Every structure is written in C-alpha cells, then in structure tokens.
Amino acid sequence: MSNPNESWSEKASAFKDQAAEKLEELKGKASEFADDIKQKAGETWDKVKSGEMKENLEHLRDEANEKIHDLADKAKGAWDKLTGKEKEEEKPQ
C-alpha cells in the first residue's frame, strides 16, 4: 500500500499546479481586457477632443426638443378634447 500522506501531497501539488495555470490564464485575460479598455478610452478621448461628441450631443438635444414640443402639442390637444375646450373653440361667437 502507498503512504496516505504521499497521496494527499500529490493531490495538493496537482491542485496547486492547476490553480497556478488558471491564475496565469486570468492574468492574460486581464491584460487583454486592460489593453482593450485603454484603446477604447483613447478613441473616446479623441472623439471628445475633435468636437465630434459635442456635435452629436447638440444633434440629439435638438431632436429631443422637437419631440418634447410635439408631445406637448399632442398632450394639449388631448387635454382640450378631454375638457371640452376643443368644442368651445370651434363654436362661432
């Protein structure tokens, strides 16, 4: 029979080796992730410096203002219908 302590020692060593391999894999993936983040941050910063982001935001703000005005008009129309003001405005005086 083999020594039980040697069996446990071999298992612990194998587990340690396996953990070391996984750690190296994770280090590699973390490094790739960090490189990707740096690249994307650089691209975003370039867009901010170029004014492209400001133009995009201005365009989105203008579109949002248009939508808000459209919705306000529709809401007023719905309110007028609900309260009967629409019919009062149609009546000749």
PDB file of N, CA and C in Angstrom:
ATOM      1  N   MET A   1       0.826  -1.177   0.000  1.00  0.00           N
ATOM      2  CA  MET A   1       0.000   0.000   0.000  1.00  0.00           C
ATOM      3  C   MET A   1       0.871   1.242   0.000  1.00  0.00           C
ATOM      4  N   SER A   2       0.356   2.260  -0.645  1.00  0.00           N
ATOM      5  CA  SER A   2       1.106   3.510  -0.692  1.00  0.00           C
ATOM      6  C   SER A   2       0.820   4.315   0.567  1.00  0.00           C
ATOM      7  N   ASN A   3       1.701   5.206   0.834  1.00  0.00           N
ATOM      8  CA  ASN A   3       1.596   6.050   2.012  1.00  0.00           C
ATOM      9  C   ASN A   3       0.481   7.078   1.796  1.00  0.00           C
ATOM     10  N   PRO A   4      -0.518   7.166   2.707  1.00  0.00           N
ATOM     11  CA  PRO A   4      -1.630   8.111   2.535  1.00  0.00           C
ATOM     12  C   PRO A   4      -1.158   9.570   2.502  1.00  0.00           C
ATOM     13  N   ASN A   5      -0.088   9.869   3.214  1.00  0.00           N
ATOM     14  CA  ASN A   5       0.426  11.242   3.217  1.00  0.00           C
ATOM     15  C   ASN A   5       0.966  11.620   1.841  1.00  0.00           C
ATOM     16  N   GLU A   6       1.592  10.657   1.145  1.00  0.00           N
ATOM     17  CA  GLU A   6       2.113  10.929  -0.195  1.00  0.00           C
ATOM     18  C   GLU A   6       0.957  11.175  -1.165  1.00  0.00           C
ATOM     19  N   SER A   7      -0.132  10.436  -1.023  1.00  0.00           N
ATOM     20  CA  SER A   7      -1.288  10.609  -1.883  1.00  0.00           C
ATOM     21  C   SER A   7      -1.876  12.012  -1.718  1.00  0.00           C
ATOM     22  N   TRP A   8      -2.017  12.438  -0.470  1.00  0.00           N
ATOM     23  CA  TRP A   8      -2.530  13.786  -0.212  1.00  0.00           C
ATOM     24  C   TRP A   8      -1.558  14.842  -0.724  1.00  0.00           C
ATOM     25  N   SER A   9      -0.306  14.588  -0.564  1.00  0.00           N
ATOM     26  CA  SER A   9       0.721  15.524  -1.021  1.00  0.00           C
ATOM     27  C   SER A   9       0.693  15.657  -2.538  1.00  0.00           C
ATOM     28  N   GLU A  10       0.526  14.532  -3.227  1.00  0.00           N
ATOM     29  CA  GLU A  10       0.456  14.561  -4.688  1.00  0.00           C
ATOM     30  C   GLU A  10      -0.789  15.306  -5.158  1.00  0.00           C
ATOM     31  N   LYS A  11      -1.908  15.052  -4.482  1.00  0.00           N
ATOM     32  CA  LYS A  11      -3.148  15.739  -4.848  1.00  0.00           C
ATOM     33  C   LYS A  11      -3.026  17.243  -4.611  1.00  0.00           C
ATOM     34  N   ALA A  12      -2.442  17.623  -3.500  1.00  0.00           N
ATOM     35  CA  ALA A  12      -2.264  19.047  -3.181  1.00  0.00           C
ATOM     36  C   ALA A  12      -1.336  19.707  -4.200  1.00  0.00           C
ATOM     37  N   SER A  13      -0.301  19.013  -4.585  1.00  0.00           N
ATOM     38  CA  SER A  13       0.633  19.555  -5.577  1.00  0.00           C
ATOM     39  C   SER A  13      -0.047  19.733  -6.936  1.00  0.00           C
ATOM     40  N   ALA A  14      -0.835  18.737  -7.323  1.00  0.00           N
ATOM     41  CA  ALA A  14      -1.553  18.823  -8.596  1.00  0.00           C
ATOM     42  C   ALA A  14      -2.558  19.973  -8.556  1.00  0.00           C
ATOM     43  N   PHE A  15      -3.240  20.122  -7.435  1.00  0.00           N
ATOM     44  CA  PHE A  15      -4.204  21.204  -7.287  1.00  0.00           C
ATOM     45  C   PHE A  15      -3.508  22.567  -7.357  1.00  0.00           C
ATOM     46  N   LYS A  16      -2.347  22.660  -6.726  1.00  0.00           N
ATOM     47  CA  LYS A  16      -1.567  23.899  -6.745  1.00  0.00           C
ATOM     48  C   LYS A  16      -1.145  24.232  -8.176  1.00  0.00           C
ATOM     49  N   ASP A  17      -0.697  23.220  -8.916  1.00  0.00           N
ATOM     50  CA  ASP A  17      -0.284  23.434 -10.309  1.00  0.00           C
ATOM     51  C   ASP A  17      -1.466  23.890 -11.166  1.00  0.00           C
ATOM     52  N   GLN A  18      -2.612  23.262 -10.941  1.00  0.00           N
ATOM     53  CA  GLN A  18      -3.814  23.611 -11.686  1.00  0.00           C
ATOM     54  C   GLN A  18      -4.225  25.068 -11.368  1.00  0.00           C
ATOM     55  N   ALA A  19      -4.157  25.437 -10.112  1.00  0.00           N
ATOM     56  CA  ALA A  19      -4.502  26.798  -9.698  1.00  0.00           C
ATOM     57  C   ALA A  19      -3.525  27.798 -10.320  1.00  0.00           C
ATOM     58  N   ALA A  20      -2.265  27.446 -10.390  1.00  0.00           N
ATOM     59  CA  ALA A  20      -1.264  28.335 -10.988  1.00  0.00           C
ATOM     60  C   ALA A  20      -1.544  28.536 -12.480  1.00  0.00           C
ATOM     61  N   GLU A  21      -1.944  27.483 -13.169  1.00  0.00           N
ATOM     62  CA  GLU A  21      -2.289  27.593 -14.600  1.00  0.00           C
ATOM     63  C   GLU A  21      -3.479  28.528 -14.793  1.00  0.00           C
ATOM     64  N   LYS A  22      -4.512  28.330 -13.985  1.00  0.00           N
ATOM     65  CA  LYS A  22      -5.702  29.182 -14.090  1.00  0.00           C
ATOM     66  C   LYS A  22      -5.362  30.636 -13.791  1.00  0.00           C
ATOM     67  N   LEU A  23      -4.504  30.868 -12.818  1.00  0.00           N
ATOM     68  CA  LEU A  23      -4.095  32.220 -12.477  1.00  0.00           C
ATOM     69  C   LEU A  23      -3.382  32.881 -13.655  1.00  0.00           C
ATOM     70  N   GLU A  24      -2.520  32.130 -14.330  1.00  0.00           N
ATOM     71  CA  GLU A  24      -1.822  32.669 -15.498  1.00  0.00           C
ATOM     72  C   GLU A  24      -2.813  32.995 -16.616  1.00  0.00           C
ATOM     73  N   GLU A  25      -3.812  32.141 -16.816  1.00  0.00           N
ATOM     74  CA  GLU A  25      -4.844  32.408 -17.828  1.00  0.00           C
ATOM     75  C   GLU A  25      -5.593  33.697 -17.497  1.00  0.00           C
ATOM     76  N   LEU A  26      -5.945  33.842 -16.221  1.00  0.00           N
ATOM     77  CA  LEU A  26      -6.662  35.040 -15.802  1.00  0.00           C
ATOM     78  C   LEU A  26      -5.807  36.290 -15.953  1.00  0.00           C
ATOM     79  N   LYS A  27      -4.527  36.175 -15.671  1.00  0.00           N
ATOM     80  CA  LYS A  27      -3.627  37.319 -15.848  1.00  0.00           C
ATOM     81  C   LYS A  27      -3.594  37.737 -17.314  1.00  0.00           C
ATOM     82  N   GLY A  28      -3.541  36.752 -18.202  1.00  0.00           N
ATOM     83  CA  GLY A  28      -3.527  37.053 -19.633  1.00  0.00           C
ATOM     84  C   GLY A  28      -4.810  37.728 -20.072  1.00  0.00           C
ATOM     85  N   LYS A  29      -5.944  37.209 -19.617  1.00  0.00           N
ATOM     86  CA  LYS A  29      -7.230  37.799 -19.973  1.00  0.00           C
ATOM     87  C   LYS A  29      -7.367  39.209 -19.398  1.00  0.00           C
ATOM     88  N   ALA A  30      -6.894  39.404 -18.182  1.00  0.00           N
ATOM     89  CA  ALA A  30      -6.948  40.730 -17.564  1.00  0.00           C
ATOM     90  C   ALA A  30      -6.093  41.721 -18.347  1.00  0.00           C
ATOM     91  N   SER A  31      -4.966  41.273 -18.817  1.00  0.00           N
ATOM     92  CA  SER A  31      -4.084  42.133 -19.608  1.00  0.00           C
ATOM     93  C   SER A  31      -4.754  42.522 -20.929  1.00  0.00           C
ATOM     94  N   GLU A  32      -5.396  41.548 -21.594  1.00  0.00           N
ATOM     95  CA  GLU A  32      -6.119  41.832 -22.840  1.00  0.00           C
ATOM     96  C   GLU A  32      -7.252  42.824 -22.588  1.00  0.00           C
ATOM     97  N   PHE A  33      -7.970  42.607 -21.503  1.00  0.00           N
ATOM     98  CA  PHE A  33      -9.082  43.485 -21.156  1.00  0.00           C
ATOM     99  C   PHE A  33      -8.579  44.903 -20.897  1.00  0.00           C
ATOM    100  N   ALA A  34      -7.480  45.024 -20.166  1.00  0.00           N
ATOM    101  CA  ALA A  34      -6.912  46.343 -19.872  1.00  0.00           C
ATOM    102  C   ALA A  34      -6.484  47.042 -21.163  1.00  0.00           C
ATOM    103  N   ASP A  35      -5.889  46.286 -22.086  1.00  0.00           N
ATOM    104  CA  ASP A  35      -5.481  46.868 -23.368  1.00  0.00           C
ATOM    105  C   ASP A  35      -6.698  47.359 -24.156  1.00  0.00           C
ATOM    106  N   ASP A  36      -7.769  46.558 -24.166  1.00  0.00           N
ATOM    107  CA  ASP A  36      -8.993  46.965 -24.866  1.00  0.00           C
ATOM    108  C   ASP A  36      -9.580  48.237 -24.259  1.00  0.00           C
ATOM    109  N   ILE A  37      -9.607  48.293 -22.943  1.00  0.00           N
ATOM    110  CA  ILE A  37     -10.147  49.471 -22.258  1.00  0.00           C
ATOM    111  C   ILE A  37      -9.303  50.697 -22.584  1.00  0.00           C
ATOM    112  N   LYS A  38      -7.994  50.555 -22.569  1.00  0.00           N
ATOM    113  CA  LYS A  38      -7.118  51.685 -22.901  1.00  0.00           C
ATOM    114  C   LYS A  38      -7.374  52.169 -24.325  1.00  0.00           C
ATOM    115  N   GLN A  39      -7.535  51.231 -25.249  1.00  0.00           N
ATOM    116  CA  GLN A  39      -7.772  51.594 -26.641  1.00  0.00           C
ATOM    117  C   GLN A  39      -9.101  52.336 -26.785  1.00  0.00           C
ATOM    118  N   LYS A  40     -10.150  51.803 -26.169  1.00  0.00           N
ATOM    119  CA  LYS A  40     -11.465  52.433 -26.282  1.00  0.00           C
ATOM    120  C   LYS A  40     -11.486  53.789 -25.590  1.00  0.00           C
ATOM    121  N   ALA A  41     -10.799  53.905 -24.475  1.00  0.00           N
ATOM    122  CA  ALA A  41     -10.730  55.192 -23.785  1.00  0.00           C
ATOM    123  C   ALA A  41     -10.005  56.212 -24.664  1.00  0.00           C
ATOM    124  N   GLY A  42      -8.943  55.766 -25.329  1.00  0.00           N
ATOM    125  CA  GLY A  42      -8.217  56.660 -26.234  1.00  0.00           C
ATOM    126  C   GLY A  42      -9.081  57.108 -27.396  1.00  0.00           C
ATOM    127  N   GLU A  43      -9.840  56.180 -27.972  1.00  0.00           N
ATOM    128  CA  GLU A  43     -10.740  56.525 -29.082  1.00  0.00           C
ATOM    129  C   GLU A  43     -11.806  57.516 -28.628  1.00  0.00           C
ATOM    130  N   THR A  44     -12.350  57.285 -27.459  1.00  0.00           N
ATOM    131  CA  THR A  44     -13.381  58.183 -26.932  1.00  0.00           C
ATOM    132  C   THR A  44     -12.800  59.566 -26.666  1.00  0.00           C
ATOM    133  N   TRP A  45     -11.616  59.598 -26.086  1.00  0.00           N
ATOM    134  CA  TRP A  45     -10.970  60.882 -25.803  1.00  0.00           C
ATOM    135  C   TRP A  45     -10.694  61.636 -27.109  1.00  0.00           C
ATOM    136  N   ASP A  46     -10.273  60.926 -28.137  1.00  0.00           N
ATOM    137  CA  ASP A  46     -10.029  61.558 -29.439  1.00  0.00           C
ATOM    138  C   ASP A  46     -11.316  62.174 -29.984  1.00  0.00           C
ATOM    139  N   LYS A  47     -12.441  61.469 -29.824  1.00  0.00           N
ATOM    140  CA  LYS A  47     -13.724  61.994 -30.282  1.00  0.00           C
ATOM    141  C   LYS A  47     -14.107  63.244 -29.497  1.00  0.00           C
ATOM    142  N   VAL A  48     -13.851  63.218 -28.197  1.00  0.00           N
ATOM    143  CA  VAL A  48     -14.182  64.376 -27.363  1.00  0.00           C
ATOM    144  C   VAL A  48     -13.339  65.575 -27.798  1.00  0.00           C
ATOM    145  N   LYS A  49     -12.054  65.349 -28.008  1.00  0.00           N
ATOM    146  CA  LYS A  49     -11.173  66.445 -28.410  1.00  0.00           C
ATOM    147  C   LYS A  49     -11.522  66.976 -29.793  1.00  0.00           C
ATOM    148  N   SER A  50     -11.979  66.128 -30.687  1.00  0.00           N
ATOM    149  CA  SER A  50     -12.267  66.546 -32.058  1.00  0.00           C
ATOM    150  C   SER A  50     -13.565  67.337 -32.171  1.00  0.00           C
ATOM    151  N   GLY A  51     -14.384  67.327 -31.148  1.00  0.00           N
ATOM    152  CA  GLY A  51     -15.661  68.031 -31.200  1.00  0.00           C
ATOM    153  C   GLY A  51     -16.788  67.172 -31.737  1.00  0.00           C
ATOM    154  N   GLU A  52     -16.471  65.961 -32.161  1.00  0.00           N
ATOM    155  CA  GLU A  52     -17.496  65.066 -32.709  1.00  0.00           C
ATOM    156  C   GLU A  52     -18.576  64.778 -31.674  1.00  0.00           C
ATOM    157  N   MET A  53     -18.169  64.572 -30.444  1.00  0.00           N
ATOM    158  CA  MET A  53     -19.138  64.270 -29.392  1.00  0.00           C
ATOM    159  C   MET A  53     -20.062  65.464 -29.158  1.00  0.00           C
ATOM    160  N   LYS A  54     -19.497  66.684 -29.203  1.00  0.00           N
ATOM    161  CA  LYS A  54     -20.305  67.876 -28.988  1.00  0.00           C
ATOM    162  C   LYS A  54     -21.350  68.001 -30.097  1.00  0.00           C
ATOM    163  N   GLU A  55     -20.937  67.744 -31.328  1.00  0.00           N
ATOM    164  CA  GLU A  55     -21.875  67.803 -32.446  1.00  0.00           C
ATOM    165  C   GLU A  55     -22.982  66.769 -32.280  1.00  0.00           C
ATOM    166  N   ASN A  56     -22.599  65.566 -31.900  1.00  0.00           N
ATOM    167  CA  ASN A  56     -23.598  64.511 -31.693  1.00  0.00           C
ATOM    168  C   ASN A  56     -24.576  64.893 -30.583  1.00  0.00           C
ATOM    169  N   LEU A  57     -24.044  65.443 -29.504  1.00  0.00           N
ATOM    170  CA  LEU A  57     -24.909  65.824 -28.388  1.00  0.00           C
ATOM    171  C   LEU A  57     -25.839  66.969 -28.776  1.00  0.00           C
ATOM    172  N   GLU A  58     -25.332  67.923 -29.542  1.00  0.00           N
ATOM    173  CA  GLU A  58     -26.191  69.019 -29.991  1.00  0.00           C
ATOM    174  C   GLU A  58     -27.320  68.497 -30.881  1.00  0.00           C
ATOM    175  N   HIS A  59     -26.979  67.579 -31.766  1.00  0.00           N
ATOM    176  CA  HIS A  59     -27.984  66.986 -32.646  1.00  0.00           C
ATOM    177  C   HIS A  59     -29.042  66.246 -31.823  1.00  0.00           C
ATOM    178  N   LEU A  60     -28.604  65.469 -30.855  1.00  0.00           N
ATOM    179  CA  LEU A  60     -29.542  64.734 -30.001  1.00  0.00           C
ATOM    180  C   LEU A  60     -30.406  65.688 -29.183  1.00  0.00           C
ATOM    181  N   ARG A  61     -29.810  66.785 -28.706  1.00  0.00           N
ATOM    182  CA  ARG A  61     -30.573  67.774 -27.940  1.00  0.00           C
ATOM    183  C   ARG A  61     -31.652  68.402 -28.815  1.00  0.00           C
ATOM    184  N   ASP A  62     -31.300  68.751 -30.055  1.00  0.00           N
ATOM    185  CA  ASP A  62     -32.279  69.334 -30.970  1.00  0.00           C
ATOM    186  C   ASP A  62     -33.430  68.362 -31.249  1.00  0.00           C
ATOM    187  N   GLU A  63     -33.079  67.096 -31.485  1.00  0.00           N
ATOM    188  CA  GLU A  63     -34.124  66.088 -31.720  1.00  0.00           C
ATOM    189  C   GLU A  63     -35.022  65.936 -30.499  1.00  0.00           C
ATOM    190  N   ALA A  64     -34.419  65.932 -29.322  1.00  0.00           N
ATOM    191  CA  ALA A  64     -35.197  65.787 -28.092  1.00  0.00           C
ATOM    192  C   ALA A  64     -36.135  66.972 -27.907  1.00  0.00           C
ATOM    193  N   ASN A  65     -35.649  68.177 -28.205  1.00  0.00           N
ATOM    194  CA  ASN A  65     -36.508  69.358 -28.081  1.00  0.00           C
ATOM    195  C   ASN A  65     -37.691  69.280 -29.040  1.00  0.00           C
ATOM    196  N   GLU A  66     -37.450  68.822 -30.257  1.00  0.00           N
ATOM    197  CA  GLU A  66     -38.543  68.652 -31.219  1.00  0.00           C
ATOM    198  C   GLU A  66     -39.585  67.670 -30.694  1.00  0.00           C
ATOM    199  N   LYS A  67     -39.110  66.544 -30.167  1.00  0.00           N
ATOM    200  CA  LYS A  67     -40.027  65.528 -29.639  1.00  0.00           C
ATOM    201  C   LYS A  67     -40.825  66.083 -28.465  1.00  0.00           C
ATOM    202  N   ILE A  68     -40.157  66.847 -27.602  1.00  0.00           N
ATOM    203  CA  ILE A  68     -40.846  67.423 -26.440  1.00  0.00           C
ATOM    204  C   ILE A  68     -41.953  68.364 -26.897  1.00  0.00           C
ATOM    205  N   HIS A  69     -41.653  69.207 -27.891  1.00  0.00           N
ATOM    206  CA  HIS A  69     -42.673  70.125 -28.391  1.00  0.00           C
ATOM    207  C   HIS A  69     -43.836  69.368 -29.037  1.00  0.00           C
ATOM    208  N   ASP A  70     -43.508  68.330 -29.810  1.00  0.00           N
ATOM    209  CA  ASP A  70     -44.569  67.511 -30.411  1.00  0.00           C
ATOM    210  C   ASP A  70     -45.450  66.879 -29.350  1.00  0.00           C
ATOM    211  N   LEU A  71     -44.813  66.324 -28.338  1.00  0.00           N
ATOM    212  CA  LEU A  71     -45.577  65.690 -27.259  1.00  0.00           C
ATOM    213  C   LEU A  71     -46.409  66.708 -26.492  1.00  0.00           C
ATOM    214  N   ALA A  72     -45.865  67.897 -26.277  1.00  0.00           N
ATOM    215  CA  ALA A  72     -46.617  68.937 -25.566  1.00  0.00           C
ATOM    216  C   ALA A  72     -47.846  69.332 -26.373  1.00  0.00           C
ATOM    217  N   ASP A  73     -47.678  69.463 -27.682  1.00  0.00           N
ATOM    218  CA  ASP A  73     -48.825  69.797 -28.537  1.00  0.00           C
ATOM    219  C   ASP A  73     -49.883  68.698 -28.490  1.00  0.00           C
ATOM    220  N   LYS A  74     -49.442  67.459 -28.564  1.00  0.00           N
ATOM    221  CA  LYS A  74     -50.384  66.340 -28.511  1.00  0.00           C
ATOM    222  C   LYS A  74     -51.077  66.278 -27.158  1.00  0.00           C
ATOM    223  N   ALA A  75     -50.333  66.522 -26.099  1.00  0.00           N
ATOM    224  CA  ALA A  75     -50.919  66.497 -24.760  1.00  0.00           C
ATOM    225  C   ALA A  75     -51.949  67.610 -24.610  1.00  0.00           C
ATOM    226  N   LYS A  76     -51.643  68.804 -25.146  1.00  0.00           N
ATOM    227  CA  LYS A  76     -52.592  69.911 -25.072  1.00  0.00           C
ATOM    228  C   LYS A  76     -53.859  69.562 -25.848  1.00  0.00           C
ATOM    229  N   GLY A  77     -53.686  68.973 -27.032  1.00  0.00           N
ATOM    230  CA  GLY A  77     -54.844  68.574 -27.822  1.00  0.00           C
ATOM    231  C   GLY A  77     -55.692  67.548 -27.090  1.00  0.00           C
ATOM    232  N   ALA A  78     -55.041  66.579 -26.483  1.00  0.00           N
ATOM    233  CA  ALA A  78     -55.777  65.554 -25.730  1.00  0.00           C
ATOM    234  C   ALA A  78     -56.483  66.182 -24.536  1.00  0.00           C
ATOM    235  N   TRP A  79     -55.825  67.115 -23.865  1.00  0.00           N
ATOM    236  CA  TRP A  79     -56.432  67.773 -22.711  1.00  0.00           C
ATOM    237  C   TRP A  79     -57.644  68.605 -23.148  1.00  0.00           C
ATOM    238  N   ASP A  80     -57.476  69.304 -24.264  1.00  0.00           N
ATOM    239  CA  ASP A  80     -58.588  70.099 -24.772  1.00  0.00           C
ATOM    240  C   ASP A  80     -59.781  69.216 -25.125  1.00  0.00           C
ATOM    241  N   LYS A  81     -59.519  68.072 -25.744  1.00  0.00           N
ATOM    242  CA  LYS A  81     -60.616  67.147 -26.066  1.00  0.00           C
ATOM    243  C   LYS A  81     -61.275  66.639 -24.796  1.00  0.00           C
ATOM    244  N   LEU A  82     -60.457  66.305 -23.823  1.00  0.00           N
ATOM    245  CA  LEU A  82     -60.965  65.753 -22.571  1.00  0.00           C
ATOM    246  C   LEU A  82     -61.803  66.774 -21.808  1.00  0.00           C
ATOM    247  N   THR A  83     -61.382  68.015 -21.818  1.00  0.00           N
ATOM    248  CA  THR A  83     -62.090  69.040 -21.045  1.00  0.00           C
ATOM    249  C   THR A  83     -63.161  69.744 -21.847  1.00  0.00           C
ATOM    250  N   GLY A  84     -63.244  69.452 -23.145  1.00  0.00           N
ATOM    251  CA  GLY A  84     -64.279  70.055 -23.981  1.00  0.00           C
ATOM    252  C   GLY A  84     -63.895  71.411 -24.529  1.00  0.00           C
ATOM    253  N   LYS A  85     -62.697  71.860 -24.319  1.00  0.00           N
ATOM    254  CA  LYS A  85     -62.266  73.163 -24.816  1.00  0.00           C
ATOM    255  C   LYS A  85     -62.221  73.183 -26.336  1.00  0.00           C
ATOM    256  N   GLU A  86     -61.949  72.028 -26.926  1.00  0.00           N
ATOM    257  CA  GLU A  86     -61.870  71.959 -28.374  1.00  0.00           C
ATOM    258  C   GLU A  86     -63.202  72.335 -29.005  1.00  0.00           C
ATOM    259  N   LYS A  87     -64.291  71.857 -28.423  1.00  0.00           N
ATOM    260  CA  LYS A  87     -65.626  72.153 -28.949  1.00  0.00           C
ATOM    261  C   LYS A  87     -65.973  73.630 -28.758  1.00  0.00           C
ATOM    262  N   GLU A  88     -65.558  74.215 -27.644  1.00  0.00           N
ATOM    263  CA  GLU A  88     -65.826  75.625 -27.383  1.00  0.00           C
ATOM    264  C   GLU A  88     -65.110  76.494 -28.399  1.00  0.00           C
ATOM    265  N   GLU A  89     -63.889  76.132 -28.777  1.00  0.00           N
ATOM    266  CA  GLU A  89     -63.126  76.911 -29.732  1.00  0.00           C
ATOM    267  C   GLU A  89     -63.734  76.830 -31.124  1.00  0.00           C
ATOM    268  N   GLU A  90     -64.401  75.721 -31.457  1.00  0.00           N
ATOM    269  CA  GLU A  90     -64.987  75.542 -32.776  1.00  0.00           C
ATOM    270  C   GLU A  90     -66.288  76.340 -32.930  1.00  0.00           C
ATOM    271  N   LYS A  91     -66.961  76.654 -31.827  1.00  0.00           N
ATOM    272  CA  LYS A  91     -68.246  77.367 -31.883  1.00  0.00           C
ATOM    273  C   LYS A  91     -68.006  78.821 -32.332  1.00  0.00           C
ATOM    274  N   PRO A  92     -68.809  79.314 -33.262  1.00  0.00           N
ATOM    275  CA  PRO A  92     -68.686  80.736 -33.637  1.00  0.00           C
ATOM    276  C   PRO A  92     -69.282  81.596 -32.531  1.00  0.00           C
ATOM    277  N   GLN A  93     -68.725  82.755 -32.387  1.00  0.00           N
ATOM    278  CA  GLN A  93     -69.184  83.622 -31.306  1.00  0.00           C
ATOM    279  C   GLN A  93     -70.151  84.626 -31.726  1.00  0.00           C
TER     280      GLN A  93
END
